Amino acid sequence: MMQQSIAGVVLAGGMSRRMGGPEKALMVLGGAPLVVHAVARLRPQVASLILNANGDPARFSALGHPVVPDETADRPGPLAGVLAALHWFAQHEPEVTAVASLPADSPLVPADLVARLRDALAGAPLAKVAVASSRDRRHPVIALWKRDAAPEIEAALARGERAAHAMIDRLGAVSVPFADLDVAGGSIDPFFNVNTPEDLAVAEDILSKHREPGASP
């Protein structure tokens, strides 16, 4: 269900070193770019959506969402994309109280991701971020960030501190565990991400066996 005061950002600014050169967000999975799968997963769960990407925004124009670059040119990593999104929504949609972030290489995230992160954040008033976890591992940029997390992220990046795990700890993160997906009798991490050509082949196989109506292309 769409959350009226929660917006989303798909982080599409990765440098794709392990994919052998091509831009990861535009690698084709199941007939559509990875970023399309991420947008299809996140868009129904939020009131509005932007993409965070650097370079020519025209390559994402077919998606129909604003493309917001990092605020610095040195590619400091996903926290910069989160910060850019928090600042963008503060300026353009000030009614937004929290922003859900999702990397473009995560094509399988659950349809209740944002709702469960929202509920966890509401139950932990001192936390400024709720983070998804699976298989006893946190995913620091599959998360819901309160608007007032921005100053601490900005200060850390200014100091050259780019580690997302350290930042979520500083923000008092509450973790939300998600169970594996059951795919053709096998268990798949719902936050499986595509980092290599081999991962892309695995994802093709998963999608051929696991398709939720309306969830992905």
C-alpha atoms as a PDB file:
ATOM      1  CA  MET A   1       0.000   0.000   0.000  1.00  0.00           C
ATOM      2  CA  MET A   2       1.261   3.466  -0.904  1.00  0.00           C
ATOM      3  CA  GLN A   3       2.455   5.478   2.077  1.00  0.00           C
ATOM      4  CA  GLN A   4       1.269   9.071   1.686  1.00  0.00           C
ATOM      5  CA  SER A   5       4.108  10.815   3.552  1.00  0.00           C
ATOM      6  CA  ILE A   6       6.874   8.501   2.345  1.00  0.00           C
ATOM      7  CA  ALA A   7       8.778   9.002  -0.899  1.00  0.00           C
ATOM      8  CA  GLY A   8      11.318   6.758  -2.585  1.00  0.00           C
ATOM      9  CA  VAL A   9      14.634   6.914  -4.370  1.00  0.00           C
ATOM     10  CA  VAL A  10      16.154   4.274  -6.615  1.00  0.00           C
ATOM     11  CA  LEU A  11      19.926   4.556  -6.390  1.00  0.00           C
ATOM     12  CA  ALA A  12      21.150   4.109  -9.950  1.00  0.00           C
ATOM     13  CA  GLY A  13      24.555   5.747  -9.712  1.00  0.00           C
ATOM     14  CA  GLY A  14      26.734   2.643  -9.273  1.00  0.00           C
ATOM     15  CA  MET A  15      29.952   2.418 -11.246  1.00  0.00           C
ATOM     16  CA  SER A  16      29.452  -1.245 -12.233  1.00  0.00           C
ATOM     17  CA  ARG A  17      33.071  -2.307 -11.926  1.00  0.00           C
ATOM     18  CA  ARG A  18      32.162  -5.969 -11.440  1.00  0.00           C
ATOM     19  CA  MET A  19      29.882  -6.005 -14.485  1.00  0.00           C
ATOM     20  CA  GLY A  20      32.864  -5.561 -16.774  1.00  0.00           C
ATOM     21  CA  GLY A  21      32.128  -2.005 -17.856  1.00  0.00           C
ATOM     22  CA  PRO A  22      28.456  -1.556 -18.853  1.00  0.00           C
ATOM     23  CA  GLU A  23      26.320   0.589 -16.580  1.00  0.00           C
ATOM     24  CA  LYS A  24      24.720  -1.815 -14.117  1.00  0.00           C
ATOM     25  CA  ALA A  25      21.377  -0.061 -13.832  1.00  0.00           C
ATOM     26  CA  LEU A  26      20.838  -0.481 -17.569  1.00  0.00           C
ATOM     27  CA  MET A  27      21.838  -4.153 -17.793  1.00  0.00           C
ATOM     28  CA  VAL A  28      18.906  -6.142 -19.157  1.00  0.00           C
ATOM     29  CA  LEU A  29      17.120  -8.635 -16.928  1.00  0.00           C
ATOM     30  CA  GLY A  30      13.996 -10.425 -18.125  1.00  0.00           C
ATOM     31  CA  GLY A  31      13.717  -8.090 -21.098  1.00  0.00           C
ATOM     32  CA  ALA A  32      13.996  -4.846 -19.117  1.00  0.00           C
ATOM     33  CA  PRO A  33      16.843  -2.858 -17.530  1.00  0.00           C
ATOM     34  CA  LEU A  34      17.595  -3.595 -13.884  1.00  0.00           C
ATOM     35  CA  VAL A  35      16.493  -0.106 -12.913  1.00  0.00           C
ATOM     36  CA  VAL A  36      13.032  -0.790 -14.353  1.00  0.00           C
ATOM     37  CA  HIS A  37      12.628  -3.774 -12.025  1.00  0.00           C
ATOM     38  CA  ALA A  38      13.671  -1.685  -9.019  1.00  0.00           C
ATOM     39  CA  VAL A  39      11.261   1.109  -9.948  1.00  0.00           C
ATOM     40  CA  ALA A  40       8.438  -1.389 -10.456  1.00  0.00           C
ATOM     41  CA  ARG A  41       9.071  -2.822  -6.985  1.00  0.00           C
ATOM     42  CA  LEU A  42       9.336   0.471  -5.118  1.00  0.00           C
ATOM     43  CA  ARG A  43       6.907   2.776  -6.935  1.00  0.00           C
ATOM     44  CA  PRO A  44       3.648   1.180  -5.639  1.00  0.00           C
ATOM     45  CA  GLN A  45       4.924   1.472  -2.073  1.00  0.00           C
ATOM     46  CA  VAL A  46       5.604   5.223  -1.968  1.00  0.00           C
ATOM     47  CA  ALA A  47       3.799   8.481  -2.682  1.00  0.00           C
ATOM     48  CA  SER A  48       6.386   9.666  -5.217  1.00  0.00           C
ATOM     49  CA  LEU A  49       9.682   8.481  -6.635  1.00  0.00           C
ATOM     50  CA  ILE A  50      12.937   9.861  -7.978  1.00  0.00           C
ATOM     51  CA  LEU A  51      16.091   8.306  -9.381  1.00  0.00           C
ATOM     52  CA  ASN A  52      19.556   9.165  -8.135  1.00  0.00           C
ATOM     53  CA  ALA A  53      22.058   9.000 -10.980  1.00  0.00           C
ATOM     54  CA  ASN A  54      24.994  10.968 -12.275  1.00  0.00           C
ATOM     55  CA  GLY A  55      25.765  11.822 -15.877  1.00  0.00           C
ATOM     56  CA  ASP A  56      23.242  12.400 -18.644  1.00  0.00           C
ATOM     57  CA  PRO A  57      19.752  12.043 -17.156  1.00  0.00           C
ATOM     58  CA  ALA A  58      18.267  11.411 -20.608  1.00  0.00           C
ATOM     59  CA  ARG A  59      19.185   7.734 -20.415  1.00  0.00           C
ATOM     60  CA  PHE A  60      16.474   7.322 -17.776  1.00  0.00           C
ATOM     61  CA  SER A  61      13.872   9.588 -19.395  1.00  0.00           C
ATOM     62  CA  ALA A  62      11.610   6.700 -20.431  1.00  0.00           C
ATOM     63  CA  LEU A  63      10.929   5.955 -16.764  1.00  0.00           C
ATOM     64  CA  GLY A  64       9.213   9.299 -16.277  1.00  0.00           C
ATOM     65  CA  HIS A  65      10.684  10.126 -12.868  1.00  0.00           C
ATOM     66  CA  PRO A  66      12.960  13.031 -11.887  1.00  0.00           C
ATOM     67  CA  VAL A  67      16.670  12.202 -12.036  1.00  0.00           C
ATOM     68  CA  VAL A  68      18.653  13.787  -9.211  1.00  0.00           C
ATOM     69  CA  PRO A  69      22.477  13.680  -9.205  1.00  0.00           C
ATOM     70  CA  ASP A  70      24.818  13.583  -6.242  1.00  0.00           C
ATOM     71  CA  GLU A  71      25.632  16.977  -4.789  1.00  0.00           C
ATOM     72  CA  THR A  72      29.382  16.442  -5.229  1.00  0.00           C
ATOM     73  CA  ALA A  73      31.286  15.246  -8.275  1.00  0.00           C
ATOM     74  CA  ASP A  74      33.593  12.740  -6.576  1.00  0.00           C
ATOM     75  CA  ARG A  75      31.116   9.811  -6.477  1.00  0.00           C
ATOM     76  CA  PRO A  76      31.204   9.255  -2.722  1.00  0.00           C
ATOM     77  CA  GLY A  77      28.866   6.264  -2.859  1.00  0.00           C
ATOM     78  CA  PRO A  78      25.252   5.468  -2.026  1.00  0.00           C
ATOM     79  CA  LEU A  79      25.039   7.731   1.019  1.00  0.00           C
ATOM     80  CA  ALA A  80      25.465  10.663  -1.356  1.00  0.00           C
ATOM     81  CA  GLY A  81      22.431   9.455  -3.265  1.00  0.00           C
ATOM     82  CA  VAL A  82      20.409   9.177  -0.082  1.00  0.00           C
ATOM     83  CA  LEU A  83      21.455  12.688   0.914  1.00  0.00           C
ATOM     84  CA  ALA A  84      20.592  14.091  -2.521  1.00  0.00           C
ATOM     85  CA  ALA A  85      17.144  12.504  -2.258  1.00  0.00           C
ATOM     86  CA  LEU A  86      16.503  13.835   1.246  1.00  0.00           C
ATOM     87  CA  HIS A  87      17.471  17.325   0.136  1.00  0.00           C
ATOM     88  CA  TRP A  88      15.423  17.111  -3.084  1.00  0.00           C
ATOM     89  CA  PHE A  89      12.249  16.087  -1.307  1.00  0.00           C
ATOM     90  CA  ALA A  90      12.779  18.718   1.403  1.00  0.00           C
ATOM     91  CA  GLN A  91      12.844  21.345  -1.341  1.00  0.00           C
ATOM     92  CA  HIS A  92      10.225  20.011  -3.760  1.00  0.00           C
ATOM     93  CA  GLU A  93       7.847  17.936  -1.625  1.00  0.00           C
ATOM     94  CA  PRO A  94       8.189  19.211   1.961  1.00  0.00           C
ATOM     95  CA  GLU A  95       5.266  17.088   3.140  1.00  0.00           C
ATOM     96  CA  VAL A  96       7.498  14.011   2.798  1.00  0.00           C
ATOM     97  CA  THR A  97       8.684  12.884   6.227  1.00  0.00           C
ATOM     98  CA  ALA A  98      10.841   9.911   5.213  1.00  0.00           C
ATOM     99  CA  VAL A  99      12.511   8.528   2.097  1.00  0.00           C
ATOM    100  CA  ALA A 100      12.882   4.849   1.216  1.00  0.00           C
ATOM    101  CA  SER A 101      16.048   3.969  -0.681  1.00  0.00           C
ATOM    102  CA  LEU A 102      16.599   0.985  -2.962  1.00  0.00           C
ATOM    103  CA  PRO A 103      19.629   0.184  -5.132  1.00  0.00           C
ATOM    104  CA  ALA A 104      18.862  -0.343  -8.799  1.00  0.00           C
ATOM    105  CA  ASP A 105      20.462  -3.803  -8.672  1.00  0.00           C
ATOM    106  CA  SER A 106      17.865  -5.283  -6.285  1.00  0.00           C
ATOM    107  CA  PRO A 107      15.046  -6.706  -8.448  1.00  0.00           C
ATOM    108  CA  LEU A 108      13.225  -8.926  -5.925  1.00  0.00           C
ATOM    109  CA  VAL A 109      12.401  -6.796  -2.877  1.00  0.00           C
ATOM    110  CA  PRO A 110       9.101  -7.559  -1.108  1.00  0.00           C
ATOM    111  CA  ALA A 111       5.898  -5.631  -1.747  1.00  0.00           C
ATOM    112  CA  ASP A 112       5.624  -4.852   1.982  1.00  0.00           C
ATOM    113  CA  LEU A 113       9.162  -3.491   2.312  1.00  0.00           C
ATOM    114  CA  VAL A 114       8.230   0.142   2.950  1.00  0.00           C
ATOM    115  CA  ALA A 115       5.246  -0.638   5.186  1.00  0.00           C
ATOM    116  CA  ARG A 116       7.339  -2.819   7.470  1.00  0.00           C
ATOM    117  CA  LEU A 117      10.196  -0.314   7.599  1.00  0.00           C
ATOM    118  CA  ARG A 118       7.689   2.450   8.385  1.00  0.00           C
ATOM    119  CA  ASP A 119       6.132   0.462  11.213  1.00  0.00           C
ATOM    120  CA  ALA A 120       9.543  -0.340  12.712  1.00  0.00           C
ATOM    121  CA  LEU A 121      10.608   3.300  12.540  1.00  0.00           C
ATOM    122  CA  ALA A 122       7.375   4.407  14.181  1.00  0.00           C
ATOM    123  CA  GLY A 123       8.079   1.988  17.024  1.00  0.00           C
ATOM    124  CA  ALA A 124      11.624   3.268  17.590  1.00  0.00           C
ATOM    125  CA  PRO A 125      11.302   7.029  18.110  1.00  0.00           C
ATOM    126  CA  LEU A 126      15.029   7.559  18.711  1.00  0.00           C
ATOM    127  CA  ALA A 127      15.999   5.900  15.407  1.00  0.00           C
ATOM    128  CA  LYS A 128      16.425   7.996  12.284  1.00  0.00           C
ATOM    129  CA  VAL A 129      16.561   5.034   9.910  1.00  0.00           C
ATOM    130  CA  ALA A 130      15.005   1.579   9.578  1.00  0.00           C
ATOM    131  CA  VAL A 131      17.071  -0.959   7.661  1.00  0.00           C
ATOM    132  CA  ALA A 132      16.061  -4.194   5.950  1.00  0.00           C
ATOM    133  CA  SER A 133      17.926  -7.350   6.915  1.00  0.00           C
ATOM    134  CA  SER A 134      17.970 -10.928   5.703  1.00  0.00           C
ATOM    135  CA  ARG A 135      19.979 -14.001   6.616  1.00  0.00           C
ATOM    136  CA  ASP A 136      21.363 -12.131   9.648  1.00  0.00           C
ATOM    137  CA  ARG A 137      22.823  -9.397   7.458  1.00  0.00           C
ATOM    138  CA  ARG A 138      21.738  -5.767   7.264  1.00  0.00           C
ATOM    139  CA  HIS A 139      21.357  -3.981   3.938  1.00  0.00           C
ATOM    140  CA  PRO A 140      22.202  -0.405   4.859  1.00  0.00           C
ATOM    141  CA  VAL A 141      20.852   1.304   1.744  1.00  0.00           C
ATOM    142  CA  ILE A 142      17.652  -0.733   1.552  1.00  0.00           C
ATOM    143  CA  ALA A 143      16.241   1.505   4.199  1.00  0.00           C
ATOM    144  CA  LEU A 144      13.785   4.169   5.269  1.00  0.00           C
ATOM    145  CA  TRP A 145      15.424   7.445   6.293  1.00  0.00           C
ATOM    146  CA  LYS A 146      13.756  10.150   8.360  1.00  0.00           C
ATOM    147  CA  ARG A 147      14.097  13.606   6.898  1.00  0.00           C
ATOM    148  CA  ASP A 148      16.189  14.779   9.861  1.00  0.00           C
ATOM    149  CA  ALA A 149      18.891  12.211   9.080  1.00  0.00           C
ATOM    150  CA  ALA A 150      20.212  14.546   6.374  1.00  0.00           C
ATOM    151  CA  PRO A 151      22.472  16.778   8.514  1.00  0.00           C
ATOM    152  CA  GLU A 152      24.379  13.836   9.992  1.00  0.00           C
ATOM    153  CA  ILE A 153      24.846  12.211   6.578  1.00  0.00           C
ATOM    154  CA  GLU A 154      26.020  15.513   5.117  1.00  0.00           C
ATOM    155  CA  ALA A 155      28.499  16.075   7.945  1.00  0.00           C
ATOM    156  CA  ALA A 156      29.922  12.557   7.651  1.00  0.00           C
ATOM    157  CA  LEU A 157      30.412  12.869   3.892  1.00  0.00           C
ATOM    158  CA  ALA A 158      32.123  16.230   4.413  1.00  0.00           C
ATOM    159  CA  ARG A 159      34.561  14.465   6.740  1.00  0.00           C
ATOM    160  CA  GLY A 160      35.211  11.817   4.075  1.00  0.00           C
ATOM    161  CA  GLU A 161      33.254   9.137   5.955  1.00  0.00           C
ATOM    162  CA  ARG A 162      31.383   7.136   3.331  1.00  0.00           C
ATOM    163  CA  ALA A 163      30.598   3.808   5.004  1.00  0.00           C
ATOM    164  CA  ALA A 164      26.862   3.198   5.030  1.00  0.00           C
ATOM    165  CA  HIS A 165      27.089   0.643   7.859  1.00  0.00           C
ATOM    166  CA  ALA A 166      28.765   3.186  10.120  1.00  0.00           C
ATOM    167  CA  MET A 167      26.159   5.790   9.254  1.00  0.00           C
ATOM    168  CA  ILE A 168      23.144   3.626  10.072  1.00  0.00           C
ATOM    169  CA  ASP A 169      24.732   2.811  13.437  1.00  0.00           C
ATOM    170  CA  ARG A 170      25.221   6.519  14.105  1.00  0.00           C
ATOM    171  CA  LEU A 171      21.564   7.099  13.266  1.00  0.00           C
ATOM    172  CA  GLY A 172      20.409   4.441  15.741  1.00  0.00           C
ATOM    173  CA  ALA A 173      19.139   2.066  13.049  1.00  0.00           C
ATOM    174  CA  VAL A 174      16.343  -0.348  13.777  1.00  0.00           C
ATOM    175  CA  SER A 175      16.666  -3.567  11.746  1.00  0.00           C
ATOM    176  CA  VAL A 176      13.701  -5.306  10.124  1.00  0.00           C
ATOM    177  CA  PRO A 177      14.238  -8.985   9.238  1.00  0.00           C
ATOM    178  CA  PHE A 178      12.717 -10.400   6.059  1.00  0.00           C
ATOM    179  CA  ALA A 179      12.323 -14.118   5.310  1.00  0.00           C
ATOM    180  CA  ASP A 180      13.634 -15.823   2.193  1.00  0.00           C
ATOM    181  CA  LEU A 181      11.472 -16.083  -0.890  1.00  0.00           C
ATOM    182  CA  ASP A 182      10.251 -19.538  -1.838  1.00  0.00           C
ATOM    183  CA  VAL A 183      11.138 -19.935  -5.513  1.00  0.00           C
ATOM    184  CA  ALA A 184      10.310 -23.264  -7.114  1.00  0.00           C
ATOM    185  CA  GLY A 185      11.018 -25.050  -3.856  1.00  0.00           C
ATOM    186  CA  GLY A 186      14.253 -23.182  -3.185  1.00  0.00           C
ATOM    187  CA  SER A 187      15.035 -20.313  -0.817  1.00  0.00           C
ATOM    188  CA  ILE A 188      16.195 -17.005  -2.275  1.00  0.00           C
ATOM    189  CA  ASP A 189      17.342 -13.927  -0.391  1.00  0.00           C
ATOM    190  CA  PRO A 190      14.732 -11.209  -1.122  1.00  0.00           C
ATOM    191  CA  PHE A 191      17.565  -8.692  -1.270  1.00  0.00           C
ATOM    192  CA  PHE A 192      19.628 -10.636  -3.794  1.00  0.00           C
ATOM    193  CA  ASN A 193      21.554  -8.055  -5.768  1.00  0.00           C
ATOM    194  CA  VAL A 194      23.173  -8.220  -9.164  1.00  0.00           C
ATOM    195  CA  ASN A 195      26.885  -7.424  -9.028  1.00  0.00           C
ATOM    196  CA  THR A 196      28.407  -9.679 -11.676  1.00  0.00           C
ATOM    197  CA  PRO A 197      27.385 -11.250 -15.004  1.00  0.00           C
ATOM    198  CA  GLU A 198      27.007 -14.508 -13.087  1.00  0.00           C
ATOM    199  CA  ASP A 199      24.547 -12.828 -10.705  1.00  0.00           C
ATOM    200  CA  LEU A 200      22.596 -11.586 -13.706  1.00  0.00           C
ATOM    201  CA  ALA A 201      22.249 -15.143 -14.989  1.00  0.00           C
ATOM    202  CA  VAL A 202      21.039 -16.297 -11.562  1.00  0.00           C
ATOM    203  CA  ALA A 203      18.522 -13.463 -11.483  1.00  0.00           C
ATOM    204  CA  GLU A 204      17.209 -14.459 -14.913  1.00  0.00           C
ATOM    205  CA  ASP A 205      16.583 -17.952 -13.601  1.00  0.00           C
ATOM    206  CA  ILE A 206      14.884 -16.629 -10.449  1.00  0.00           C
ATOM    207  CA  LEU A 207      12.593 -14.308 -12.398  1.00  0.00           C
ATOM    208  CA  SER A 208      11.574 -17.095 -14.739  1.00  0.00           C
ATOM    209  CA  LYS A 209      10.266 -18.989 -11.691  1.00  0.00           C
ATOM    210  CA  HIS A 210       9.066 -16.148  -9.468  1.00  0.00           C
ATOM    211  CA  ARG A 211       6.871 -13.413 -10.888  1.00  0.00           C
ATOM    212  CA  GLU A 212       4.391 -11.467  -8.782  1.00  0.00           C
ATOM    213  CA  PRO A 213       1.604  -9.776 -10.758  1.00  0.00           C
ATOM    214  CA  GLY A 214       2.523  -6.149 -11.311  1.00  0.00           C
ATOM    215  CA  ALA A 215       5.727  -6.400  -9.294  1.00  0.00           C
ATOM    216  CA  SER A 216       8.259  -6.465 -12.101  1.00  0.00           C
ATOM    217  CA  PRO A 217       8.327  -6.272 -15.893  1.00  0.00           C
END
